[in-house]
N, C-alpha and C. Protein backbone atom coordinates (compact mmCIF):
# COMPACT_ATOMS: atom_id res chain seq x y z
N MET A 1 -26.91 -9.24 -26.66
CA MET A 1 -25.40 -8.15 -26.20
C MET A 1 -25.14 -7.94 -24.92
N PHE A 2 -26.14 -7.74 -24.17
CA PHE A 2 -25.77 -7.06 -22.64
C PHE A 2 -25.76 -8.57 -21.71
N GLN A 3 -26.00 -9.44 -22.37
CA GLN A 3 -25.95 -10.91 -21.48
C GLN A 3 -24.87 -11.40 -21.85
N GLU A 4 -24.34 -11.04 -22.93
CA GLU A 4 -22.91 -11.70 -23.18
C GLU A 4 -21.59 -10.95 -22.25
N TYR A 5 -21.92 -9.58 -22.16
CA TYR A 5 -21.26 -8.64 -21.29
C TYR A 5 -21.28 -8.97 -20.04
N VAL A 6 -22.29 -9.88 -19.35
CA VAL A 6 -22.76 -10.03 -17.93
C VAL A 6 -21.67 -11.50 -18.04
N ARG A 7 -21.78 -11.94 -18.91
CA ARG A 7 -21.01 -13.68 -18.85
C ARG A 7 -19.40 -13.11 -19.05
N THR A 8 -19.01 -12.60 -20.05
CA THR A 8 -17.68 -12.05 -19.66
C THR A 8 -17.26 -11.57 -18.36
N VAL A 9 -18.06 -10.60 -17.88
CA VAL A 9 -17.60 -10.31 -16.53
C VAL A 9 -17.69 -11.16 -15.10
N THR A 10 -18.73 -12.08 -15.38
CA THR A 10 -18.69 -12.90 -14.28
C THR A 10 -17.64 -14.01 -14.42
N ASP A 11 -16.94 -14.62 -15.55
CA ASP A 11 -16.26 -15.60 -16.13
C ASP A 11 -14.65 -14.69 -15.68
N ARG A 12 -14.78 -13.43 -15.90
CA ARG A 12 -13.54 -12.72 -15.38
C ARG A 12 -13.20 -12.67 -13.95
N THR A 13 -14.36 -12.70 -13.32
CA THR A 13 -14.16 -12.33 -11.48
C THR A 13 -14.20 -13.96 -11.21
N GLU A 14 -14.62 -15.07 -11.84
CA GLU A 14 -14.34 -16.24 -11.23
C GLU A 14 -13.03 -16.58 -11.59
N ALA A 15 -12.46 -16.56 -12.11
CA ALA A 15 -11.16 -16.55 -12.81
C ALA A 15 -10.04 -15.90 -11.81
N LEU A 16 -10.26 -14.65 -11.77
CA LEU A 16 -9.82 -13.92 -10.59
C LEU A 16 -9.96 -14.71 -9.07
N GLN A 17 -10.97 -15.01 -8.88
CA GLN A 17 -11.14 -15.81 -7.52
C GLN A 17 -10.10 -16.98 -7.58
N ARG A 18 -10.13 -17.67 -8.56
CA ARG A 18 -9.40 -18.87 -8.38
C ARG A 18 -8.01 -18.29 -8.47
N LEU A 19 -7.47 -17.31 -9.13
CA LEU A 19 -5.88 -17.30 -8.95
C LEU A 19 -5.51 -16.53 -7.61
N ASP A 20 -6.50 -15.96 -7.04
CA ASP A 20 -6.30 -15.42 -5.57
C ASP A 20 -6.47 -16.53 -4.64
N ALA A 21 -7.07 -17.33 -4.77
CA ALA A 21 -7.01 -18.68 -4.12
C ALA A 21 -6.02 -19.60 -4.25
N ALA A 22 -5.48 -19.47 -5.31
CA ALA A 22 -3.75 -20.30 -5.65
C ALA A 22 -3.09 -19.56 -5.07
N LEU A 23 -3.05 -18.28 -5.08
CA LEU A 23 -1.95 -17.66 -4.47
C LEU A 23 -1.90 -17.61 -3.45
N LEU A 24 -3.02 -17.76 -2.37
CA LEU A 24 -3.10 -17.80 -0.95
C LEU A 24 -2.31 -19.13 -0.61
N GLU A 25 -2.69 -19.99 -1.53
CA GLU A 25 -2.41 -21.38 -1.11
C GLU A 25 -0.76 -21.58 -1.23
N GLN A 26 -0.35 -20.91 -2.01
CA GLN A 26 1.14 -20.84 -2.42
C GLN A 26 1.82 -19.84 -1.12
N ALA A 27 1.27 -18.81 -1.08
CA ALA A 27 1.74 -18.00 0.12
C ALA A 27 1.85 -18.55 1.61
N LYS A 28 0.83 -19.48 2.10
CA LYS A 28 1.11 -19.90 3.28
C LYS A 28 1.85 -20.35 3.79
N PRO A 29 2.69 -20.96 3.39
CA PRO A 29 4.09 -21.53 3.65
C PRO A 29 5.42 -20.54 3.70
N TRP A 30 5.47 -19.62 3.13
CA TRP A 30 6.28 -18.49 2.66
C TRP A 30 6.98 -17.98 3.90
N ARG A 31 8.08 -17.90 4.20
CA ARG A 31 8.74 -17.47 5.19
C ARG A 31 8.34 -15.63 5.88
N MET A 32 7.79 -15.39 4.67
CA MET A 32 6.98 -13.73 4.56
C MET A 32 5.78 -13.69 4.99
N TYR A 33 5.33 -14.80 5.06
CA TYR A 33 3.80 -14.74 5.01
C TYR A 33 3.08 -13.93 6.60
N PRO A 34 3.90 -13.96 7.50
CA PRO A 34 3.25 -13.05 8.65
C PRO A 34 3.08 -11.75 8.18
N VAL A 35 4.49 -11.27 7.68
CA VAL A 35 4.38 -9.72 7.07
C VAL A 35 3.42 -9.57 6.22
N VAL A 36 3.05 -10.32 5.36
CA VAL A 36 2.18 -10.26 4.47
C VAL A 36 0.53 -10.14 5.00
N GLN A 37 0.65 -10.81 5.89
CA GLN A 37 -1.07 -10.79 6.84
C GLN A 37 -1.02 -9.67 7.62
N ALA A 38 0.27 -9.08 8.30
CA ALA A 38 0.17 -7.89 9.34
C ALA A 38 -0.04 -6.81 8.34
N LEU A 39 0.25 -6.61 7.02
CA LEU A 39 0.26 -5.44 6.06
C LEU A 39 -1.22 -5.09 5.85
N GLN A 40 -2.03 -6.36 6.32
CA GLN A 40 -3.48 -6.39 5.70
C GLN A 40 -4.29 -5.50 6.55
N ALA A 41 -3.44 -5.09 7.57
CA ALA A 41 -4.45 -4.34 8.84
C ALA A 41 -4.64 -3.00 8.18
N LEU A 42 -3.58 -2.57 7.10
CA LEU A 42 -3.98 -1.15 6.67
C LEU A 42 -5.20 -1.20 5.55
N ARG A 43 -5.51 0.26 5.74
CA ARG A 43 -6.50 0.17 4.88
C ARG A 43 -6.38 0.42 3.44
N GLY A 44 -6.89 -0.19 2.51
CA GLY A 44 -6.33 -0.34 1.19
C GLY A 44 -5.33 -1.04 0.70
N VAL A 45 -5.02 -2.02 1.89
CA VAL A 45 -3.91 -3.07 1.37
C VAL A 45 -4.56 -4.30 1.75
N GLN A 46 -5.17 -4.69 0.94
CA GLN A 46 -5.91 -6.18 0.66
C GLN A 46 -4.41 -7.43 0.34
N PHE A 47 -4.91 -8.50 0.12
CA PHE A 47 -4.00 -9.47 -0.15
C PHE A 47 -3.12 -9.78 -0.97
N THR A 48 -3.58 -9.12 -2.26
CA THR A 48 -3.06 -8.87 -3.59
C THR A 48 -1.79 -7.85 -3.37
N VAL A 49 -2.42 -6.71 -3.00
CA VAL A 49 -1.58 -5.22 -2.58
C VAL A 49 -0.17 -5.78 -1.58
N ALA A 50 -0.22 -6.26 -0.45
CA ALA A 50 0.53 -7.03 0.38
C ALA A 50 1.87 -7.64 0.00
N ILE A 51 0.65 -9.06 -0.90
CA ILE A 51 1.77 -9.83 -1.46
C ILE A 51 2.61 -9.35 -2.50
N ILE A 52 2.10 -8.25 -3.33
CA ILE A 52 2.88 -7.53 -4.29
C ILE A 52 3.86 -6.77 -3.83
N THR A 53 3.78 -5.99 -2.85
CA THR A 53 4.83 -5.24 -2.24
C THR A 53 5.79 -6.04 -1.57
N VAL A 54 5.47 -7.19 -0.63
CA VAL A 54 6.53 -7.93 -0.34
C VAL A 54 7.17 -8.82 -1.06
N ALA A 55 6.71 -9.38 -2.44
CA ALA A 55 7.10 -10.26 -3.24
C ALA A 55 8.18 -9.29 -4.02
N GLU A 56 7.96 -8.42 -4.49
CA GLU A 56 8.61 -7.10 -5.07
C GLU A 56 9.98 -6.78 -4.67
N LEU A 57 9.74 -6.42 -3.51
CA LEU A 57 10.74 -5.77 -2.42
C LEU A 57 11.48 -6.61 -1.42
N GLY A 58 10.67 -7.45 -1.25
CA GLY A 58 11.83 -8.48 -0.01
C GLY A 58 11.28 -8.32 1.23
N ASP A 59 12.43 -8.49 2.20
CA ASP A 59 12.13 -8.10 3.07
C ASP A 59 12.42 -6.70 3.32
N LEU A 60 10.82 -5.79 3.95
CA LEU A 60 10.92 -4.56 4.12
C LEU A 60 11.93 -3.81 4.94
N THR A 61 12.36 -4.65 6.10
CA THR A 61 13.29 -4.28 7.22
C THR A 61 14.46 -3.88 6.92
N ARG A 62 14.91 -4.24 5.83
CA ARG A 62 16.15 -4.61 4.84
C ARG A 62 16.80 -3.06 5.05
N PHE A 63 15.84 -2.18 4.76
CA PHE A 63 15.83 -0.58 4.54
C PHE A 63 16.02 -0.11 6.39
N ASP A 64 17.21 0.61 6.26
CA ASP A 64 17.25 0.97 7.85
C ASP A 64 16.17 2.01 8.15
N THR A 65 16.03 2.83 7.29
CA THR A 65 14.66 3.91 7.67
C THR A 65 13.60 3.84 6.48
N ALA A 66 12.39 4.54 7.16
CA ALA A 66 11.32 4.51 5.93
C ALA A 66 11.61 5.13 4.94
N PRO A 67 12.05 6.47 4.79
CA PRO A 67 12.70 7.22 3.83
C PRO A 67 13.52 6.46 2.43
N GLU A 68 14.31 5.62 3.11
CA GLU A 68 15.46 4.89 2.43
C GLU A 68 14.42 3.95 1.45
N LEU A 69 13.09 3.52 2.01
CA LEU A 69 12.32 2.76 1.17
C LEU A 69 11.77 3.34 0.27
N MET A 70 11.09 4.99 0.77
CA MET A 70 10.66 5.37 -0.67
C MET A 70 11.42 5.96 -1.42
N LYS A 71 12.51 6.34 -1.22
CA LYS A 71 13.67 6.49 -2.50
C LYS A 71 13.73 5.30 -3.28
N TYR A 72 13.93 4.12 -2.37
CA TYR A 72 14.02 2.91 -3.47
C TYR A 72 12.69 3.02 -4.24
N LEU A 73 11.57 2.98 -3.76
CA LEU A 73 10.35 2.77 -4.87
C LEU A 73 10.37 4.13 -5.77
N GLY A 74 11.22 4.73 -5.65
CA GLY A 74 11.01 6.04 -6.62
C GLY A 74 9.81 7.13 -6.13
N LEU A 75 9.37 6.94 -5.10
CA LEU A 75 8.06 7.90 -4.69
C LEU A 75 8.67 9.15 -3.91
N THR A 76 9.85 9.71 -4.26
CA THR A 76 10.44 10.61 -3.47
C THR A 76 10.11 11.88 -4.74
N PRO A 77 9.99 13.27 -4.34
CA PRO A 77 9.97 14.29 -5.36
C PRO A 77 11.45 14.29 -6.17
N SER A 78 11.53 14.64 -7.23
CA SER A 78 12.75 14.95 -7.86
C SER A 78 13.22 16.65 -7.47
N GLU A 79 14.45 16.88 -7.67
CA GLU A 79 14.93 18.13 -7.05
C GLU A 79 15.91 18.91 -8.51
N TYR A 80 15.72 19.99 -8.20
CA TYR A 80 15.88 20.76 -9.24
C TYR A 80 16.59 22.16 -8.72
N THR A 81 17.87 22.23 -8.60
CA THR A 81 18.40 23.33 -7.90
C THR A 81 19.55 24.12 -8.66
N SER A 82 19.38 24.85 -8.68
CA SER A 82 20.59 25.64 -9.35
C SER A 82 20.47 27.12 -8.68
N ALA A 83 21.95 27.69 -8.75
CA ALA A 83 21.89 29.07 -8.06
C ALA A 83 21.11 29.56 -7.04
N GLY A 84 21.38 28.59 -5.93
CA GLY A 84 20.49 28.73 -4.65
C GLY A 84 19.16 28.54 -4.55
N ARG A 85 18.78 28.41 -5.82
CA ARG A 85 16.94 27.91 -5.92
C ARG A 85 16.76 26.55 -5.85
N ARG A 86 16.06 26.00 -5.07
CA ARG A 86 15.53 24.81 -4.90
C ARG A 86 13.68 24.45 -5.52
N ARG A 87 13.63 23.33 -6.76
CA ARG A 87 12.66 23.06 -7.04
C ARG A 87 12.18 21.77 -6.96
N LEU A 88 11.08 21.34 -6.69
CA LEU A 88 10.56 19.79 -6.45
C LEU A 88 9.86 19.84 -7.34
N GLY A 89 10.00 18.78 -8.03
CA GLY A 89 9.06 18.16 -9.45
C GLY A 89 8.60 16.80 -8.87
N GLY A 90 8.07 16.09 -10.10
CA GLY A 90 7.27 14.89 -9.89
C GLY A 90 8.17 13.76 -8.93
N ILE A 91 7.55 12.35 -9.01
CA ILE A 91 8.03 11.13 -8.14
C ILE A 91 9.26 11.03 -9.18
N THR A 92 10.51 10.65 -8.75
CA THR A 92 11.59 10.08 -9.45
C THR A 92 11.30 8.63 -10.04
N LYS A 93 10.13 7.86 -9.83
CA LYS A 93 10.11 6.65 -10.65
C LYS A 93 11.58 5.97 -10.85
N ALA A 94 12.13 6.03 -9.86
CA ALA A 94 13.39 5.56 -10.32
C ALA A 94 13.23 4.15 -9.63
N GLY A 95 12.16 3.28 -8.96
CA GLY A 95 12.22 2.02 -8.18
C GLY A 95 11.84 0.96 -9.28
N ASN A 96 10.85 0.03 -8.33
CA ASN A 96 9.85 -0.86 -9.09
C ASN A 96 8.58 -0.40 -9.11
N GLY A 97 8.46 -0.49 -10.62
CA GLY A 97 7.30 0.35 -10.69
C GLY A 97 6.11 -0.67 -10.45
N HIS A 98 5.81 -2.06 -10.51
CA HIS A 98 5.10 -2.67 -10.08
C HIS A 98 4.44 -2.53 -8.73
N ALA A 99 5.41 -2.18 -7.94
CA ALA A 99 5.19 -2.62 -6.47
C ALA A 99 4.25 -0.76 -6.29
N ARG A 100 5.40 0.17 -7.04
CA ARG A 100 4.53 1.44 -7.04
C ARG A 100 3.28 1.80 -7.32
N ARG A 101 2.98 1.01 -8.08
CA ARG A 101 1.31 1.06 -9.07
C ARG A 101 0.65 0.37 -8.12
N ALA A 102 0.99 -0.48 -7.27
CA ALA A 102 0.05 -1.23 -6.28
C ALA A 102 -0.03 -0.48 -5.12
N LEU A 103 0.95 -0.01 -4.68
CA LEU A 103 0.90 1.34 -3.48
C LEU A 103 -0.03 2.41 -4.06
N VAL A 104 0.33 3.06 -5.20
CA VAL A 104 -0.54 4.08 -5.47
C VAL A 104 -2.14 4.00 -5.21
N GLU A 105 -2.28 2.71 -5.99
CA GLU A 105 -3.91 2.42 -6.02
C GLU A 105 -4.46 1.89 -4.67
N ALA A 106 -3.57 1.55 -3.84
CA ALA A 106 -3.82 1.24 -2.88
C ALA A 106 -4.19 2.65 -1.56
N ALA A 107 -3.33 3.51 -2.10
CA ALA A 107 -3.71 5.13 -1.57
C ALA A 107 -4.90 5.50 -2.01
N LYS A 108 -5.34 5.41 -2.96
CA LYS A 108 -6.59 5.72 -3.53
C LYS A 108 -8.13 5.41 -2.25
N ALA A 109 -7.52 4.59 -1.34
CA ALA A 109 -8.71 3.88 -0.64
C ALA A 109 -8.67 5.30 0.54
N TYR A 110 -7.69 6.22 1.01
CA TYR A 110 -7.71 6.97 1.63
C TYR A 110 -8.57 8.28 1.16
N ARG A 111 -9.30 8.29 0.45
CA ARG A 111 -9.77 9.75 0.39
C ARG A 111 -11.26 9.57 0.70
N HIS A 112 -11.47 8.42 1.63
CA HIS A 112 -12.90 8.50 2.52
C HIS A 112 -12.20 8.41 3.81
N ARG A 113 -13.18 8.92 4.73
CA ARG A 113 -12.96 9.41 5.94
C ARG A 113 -12.56 8.06 6.97
N ALA A 114 -11.57 8.28 7.85
CA ALA A 114 -11.24 7.26 8.67
C ALA A 114 -12.01 6.20 9.32
N LYS A 115 -12.04 4.91 9.16
CA LYS A 115 -13.14 4.34 10.02
C LYS A 115 -12.40 2.94 9.82
N VAL A 116 -12.57 2.01 10.87
CA VAL A 116 -12.52 0.41 10.75
C VAL A 116 -13.31 -0.06 10.45
N SER A 117 -13.46 -0.44 8.99
CA SER A 117 -14.47 -1.24 8.74
C SER A 117 -14.95 -2.57 8.72
N GLU A 118 -15.75 -3.70 8.72
CA GLU A 118 -15.79 -4.74 9.07
C GLU A 118 -14.69 -5.92 8.16
N GLN A 119 -14.93 -5.43 7.30
CA GLN A 119 -13.33 -6.18 6.57
C GLN A 119 -12.09 -6.09 7.21
N ILE A 120 -11.91 -4.59 7.22
CA ILE A 120 -10.51 -4.53 8.42
C ILE A 120 -10.28 -5.15 9.66
N GLN A 121 -11.54 -4.92 10.46
CA GLN A 121 -11.47 -5.65 11.47
C GLN A 121 -11.36 -7.23 11.68
N ALA A 122 -12.01 -7.54 10.52
CA ALA A 122 -11.56 -9.47 10.47
C ALA A 122 -10.23 -9.74 10.14
N ARG A 123 -9.46 -8.66 9.23
CA ARG A 123 -8.35 -9.05 8.72
C ARG A 123 -7.19 -8.40 10.14
N GLN A 124 -7.52 -7.75 10.94
CA GLN A 124 -7.04 -7.19 12.05
C GLN A 124 -6.92 -8.16 13.33
N GLN A 125 -7.99 -8.99 13.30
CA GLN A 125 -8.61 -10.05 14.27
C GLN A 125 -7.31 -10.56 15.13
N HIS A 126 -6.26 -11.30 14.22
CA HIS A 126 -5.26 -12.23 14.92
C HIS A 126 -3.54 -11.19 15.06
N LEU A 127 -3.82 -9.70 14.86
CA LEU A 127 -2.85 -9.31 14.92
C LEU A 127 -2.57 -8.13 16.41
N SER A 128 -1.50 -8.19 16.36
CA SER A 128 -1.33 -7.65 17.97
C SER A 128 -1.96 -6.56 17.64
N LYS A 129 -1.71 -5.88 19.19
CA LYS A 129 -2.60 -4.43 19.14
C LYS A 129 -0.90 -3.12 18.75
N ALA A 130 0.21 -3.79 18.41
CA ALA A 130 0.97 -2.53 18.38
C ALA A 130 0.94 -2.16 16.62
N ILE A 131 0.47 -3.46 16.19
CA ILE A 131 0.16 -3.26 14.61
C ILE A 131 -1.01 -2.61 14.57
N CYS A 132 -2.17 -2.92 14.73
CA CYS A 132 -3.42 -2.33 14.77
C CYS A 132 -3.12 -0.86 15.37
N ASP A 133 -2.82 -0.48 16.05
CA ASP A 133 -2.45 1.01 16.59
C ASP A 133 -1.55 1.64 15.24
N ILE A 134 -0.40 0.82 14.85
CA ILE A 134 0.12 1.74 13.74
C ILE A 134 -0.89 1.68 12.57
N ALA A 135 -1.64 0.52 12.38
CA ALA A 135 -2.68 1.02 10.93
C ALA A 135 -3.63 1.83 11.11
N TRP A 136 -4.04 2.39 12.74
CA TRP A 136 -5.01 3.15 12.88
C TRP A 136 -4.63 4.65 12.93
N ARG A 137 -3.26 4.69 13.17
CA ARG A 137 -2.69 6.14 13.09
C ARG A 137 -2.35 6.30 11.75
N ALA A 138 -1.97 5.09 11.02
CA ALA A 138 -1.78 5.41 9.53
C ALA A 138 -3.42 5.92 9.00
N GLN A 139 -4.30 5.33 9.04
CA GLN A 139 -5.46 5.67 8.73
C GLN A 139 -5.84 7.12 8.60
N VAL A 140 -5.88 7.64 9.93
CA VAL A 140 -5.89 9.37 10.40
C VAL A 140 -4.97 9.92 9.87
N ARG A 141 -3.86 9.75 9.75
CA ARG A 141 -2.87 10.78 9.18
C ARG A 141 -3.26 10.70 7.76
N LEU A 142 -3.19 9.41 6.68
CA LEU A 142 -3.40 9.68 5.45
C LEU A 142 -4.56 9.83 5.18
N CYS A 143 -5.81 9.61 5.75
CA CYS A 143 -7.29 10.17 5.32
C CYS A 143 -7.26 11.94 5.22
N GLY A 144 -6.92 12.24 6.30
CA GLY A 144 -6.68 13.58 6.54
C GLY A 144 -5.43 14.36 5.23
N ARG A 145 -4.47 13.52 5.07
CA ARG A 145 -3.43 14.04 4.27
C ARG A 145 -4.20 14.32 3.02
N TYR A 146 -5.07 13.40 2.30
CA TYR A 146 -5.71 12.90 1.10
C TYR A 146 -6.46 14.26 1.20
N ARG A 147 -7.28 14.73 2.12
CA ARG A 147 -8.31 15.42 1.93
C ARG A 147 -8.09 17.14 1.94
N LYS A 148 -6.51 17.15 2.38
CA LYS A 148 -6.02 18.42 2.78
C LYS A 148 -5.33 18.95 1.27
N MET A 149 -4.79 17.76 0.39
CA MET A 149 -4.30 18.32 -0.64
C MET A 149 -5.00 18.37 -1.38
N LEU A 150 -6.03 17.58 -1.49
CA LEU A 150 -7.38 17.52 -2.43
C LEU A 150 -7.87 19.05 -2.40
N ALA A 151 -8.16 19.86 -1.02
CA ALA A 151 -8.66 20.63 -0.93
C ALA A 151 -7.96 22.07 -1.39
N ARG A 152 -6.43 21.88 -1.34
CA ARG A 152 -5.60 22.70 -1.66
C ARG A 152 -5.50 22.85 -3.39
N GLY A 153 -6.03 21.69 -4.07
CA GLY A 153 -6.26 22.16 -5.60
C GLY A 153 -5.23 21.11 -6.14
N LYS A 154 -4.71 20.27 -5.35
CA LYS A 154 -3.65 19.39 -5.98
C LYS A 154 -4.12 18.38 -6.82
N HIS A 155 -3.49 17.70 -8.11
CA HIS A 155 -4.38 16.91 -9.35
C HIS A 155 -4.40 15.62 -8.12
N PRO A 156 -5.36 14.50 -8.01
CA PRO A 156 -5.79 13.38 -7.64
C PRO A 156 -4.71 12.72 -7.80
N ASN A 157 -4.12 12.36 -8.78
CA ASN A 157 -3.20 11.57 -8.91
C ASN A 157 -1.90 11.93 -8.22
N THR A 158 -1.87 13.25 -8.00
CA THR A 158 -0.40 13.76 -7.24
C THR A 158 -1.05 13.63 -5.54
N VAL A 159 -2.09 13.84 -5.39
CA VAL A 159 -2.09 13.27 -3.84
C VAL A 159 -2.05 11.30 -3.71
N ALA A 160 -2.33 10.87 -4.65
CA ALA A 160 -2.32 9.46 -4.48
C ALA A 160 -0.77 8.98 -4.07
N ALA A 161 0.09 9.74 -5.36
CA ALA A 161 1.47 9.48 -5.00
C ALA A 161 2.24 9.49 -3.95
N ALA A 162 1.51 11.05 -3.30
CA ALA A 162 2.36 11.63 -1.99
C ALA A 162 1.60 10.64 -0.75
N VAL A 163 0.56 10.39 -1.03
CA VAL A 163 -0.04 9.19 0.31
C VAL A 163 0.51 7.73 0.31
N ALA A 164 0.88 7.45 -1.08
CA ALA A 164 1.34 6.18 -1.09
C ALA A 164 2.69 6.40 -0.31
N ARG A 165 3.73 7.49 -0.82
CA ARG A 165 4.80 7.52 -0.15
C ARG A 165 4.45 7.23 1.29
N GLU A 166 3.96 7.91 2.06
CA GLU A 166 3.80 7.80 3.05
C GLU A 166 2.99 6.47 3.69
N LEU A 167 2.51 5.80 2.43
CA LEU A 167 1.65 4.64 3.10
C LEU A 167 2.97 3.33 3.16
N ILE A 168 4.23 3.61 2.30
CA ILE A 168 4.65 2.66 2.50
C ILE A 168 5.67 3.01 3.53
N GLY A 169 5.74 3.89 3.98
CA GLY A 169 6.38 4.12 5.41
C GLY A 169 5.59 3.61 6.52
N PHE A 170 4.54 3.67 6.55
CA PHE A 170 3.80 2.97 7.73
C PHE A 170 3.60 1.07 7.53
N MET A 171 4.10 0.74 6.29
CA MET A 171 3.92 -0.75 5.94
C MET A 171 5.53 -0.85 6.16
N TRP A 172 6.34 -0.15 6.43
CA TRP A 172 7.83 -0.55 6.72
C TRP A 172 7.78 -0.58 8.74
N ALA A 173 7.07 0.17 9.08
CA ALA A 173 6.97 0.23 10.59
C ALA A 173 6.27 -0.97 10.82
N ILE A 174 5.28 -1.46 10.18
CA ILE A 174 4.43 -2.60 10.24
C ILE A 174 5.38 -3.88 10.35
N ALA A 175 6.32 -3.66 9.54
CA ALA A 175 7.14 -5.05 8.79
C ALA A 175 8.53 -4.92 9.97
N LYS A 176 8.60 -4.23 10.67
CA LYS A 176 9.71 -3.88 11.79
C LYS A 176 8.95 -4.28 13.17
N ALA A 177 7.62 -4.16 13.46
CA ALA A 177 7.08 -4.41 14.43
C ALA A 177 6.45 -5.98 14.17
N GLN A 178 6.56 -6.55 13.32
CA GLN A 178 6.17 -7.79 12.86
C GLN A 178 7.11 -9.07 12.71
N PRO A 179 7.57 -10.02 13.59
CA PRO A 179 8.48 -10.57 13.74
C PRO A 179 8.25 -12.00 12.44
N LEU A 180 9.09 -12.59 12.05
CA LEU A 180 9.47 -13.28 10.53
C LEU A 180 9.00 -14.85 11.69
N GLY A 181 8.08 -15.22 11.03
CA GLY A 181 7.83 -16.85 11.76
C GLY A 181 6.96 -16.63 12.64
N ALA A 182 6.37 -15.46 13.08
CA ALA A 182 5.21 -15.56 13.90
C ALA A 182 4.27 -16.09 13.62
């Protein structure tokens, strides 16, 4: 029985690798591919998360500001205001659920301390210094924010949503810094 489980996991892993390779082959001629590559400079944003974000949202720079993009994705807190009293609730979930889910999963990578791993170094190798600097600032800020919120007793899912909100802001900044067709 154990060998059957191992074989199933192996088969699924191989299928996933085949799908990733096919997706990469299809993405290379796409005009948004340079943005997909640039987004991978961020921790937690590997090829799948980057391609989902760009495919679902299109050109991130069509939003004038990062908070507009955050609102569009439904990652901003809801607000209840009455009689001069203001209370913030959970996220609005107003936008694209697929992209939001991918971002929340990517945000969970920030629970570890900030460092540039070998994988991130390899993904940043061909990128400009400006994009690498944005990615490093994002990593330092988001790792610190993740730990502080957990230390204050926030639920891990709440922390991941808050970090995802800021992560999409850094993704917007990288998309602004990466010219299309470069």
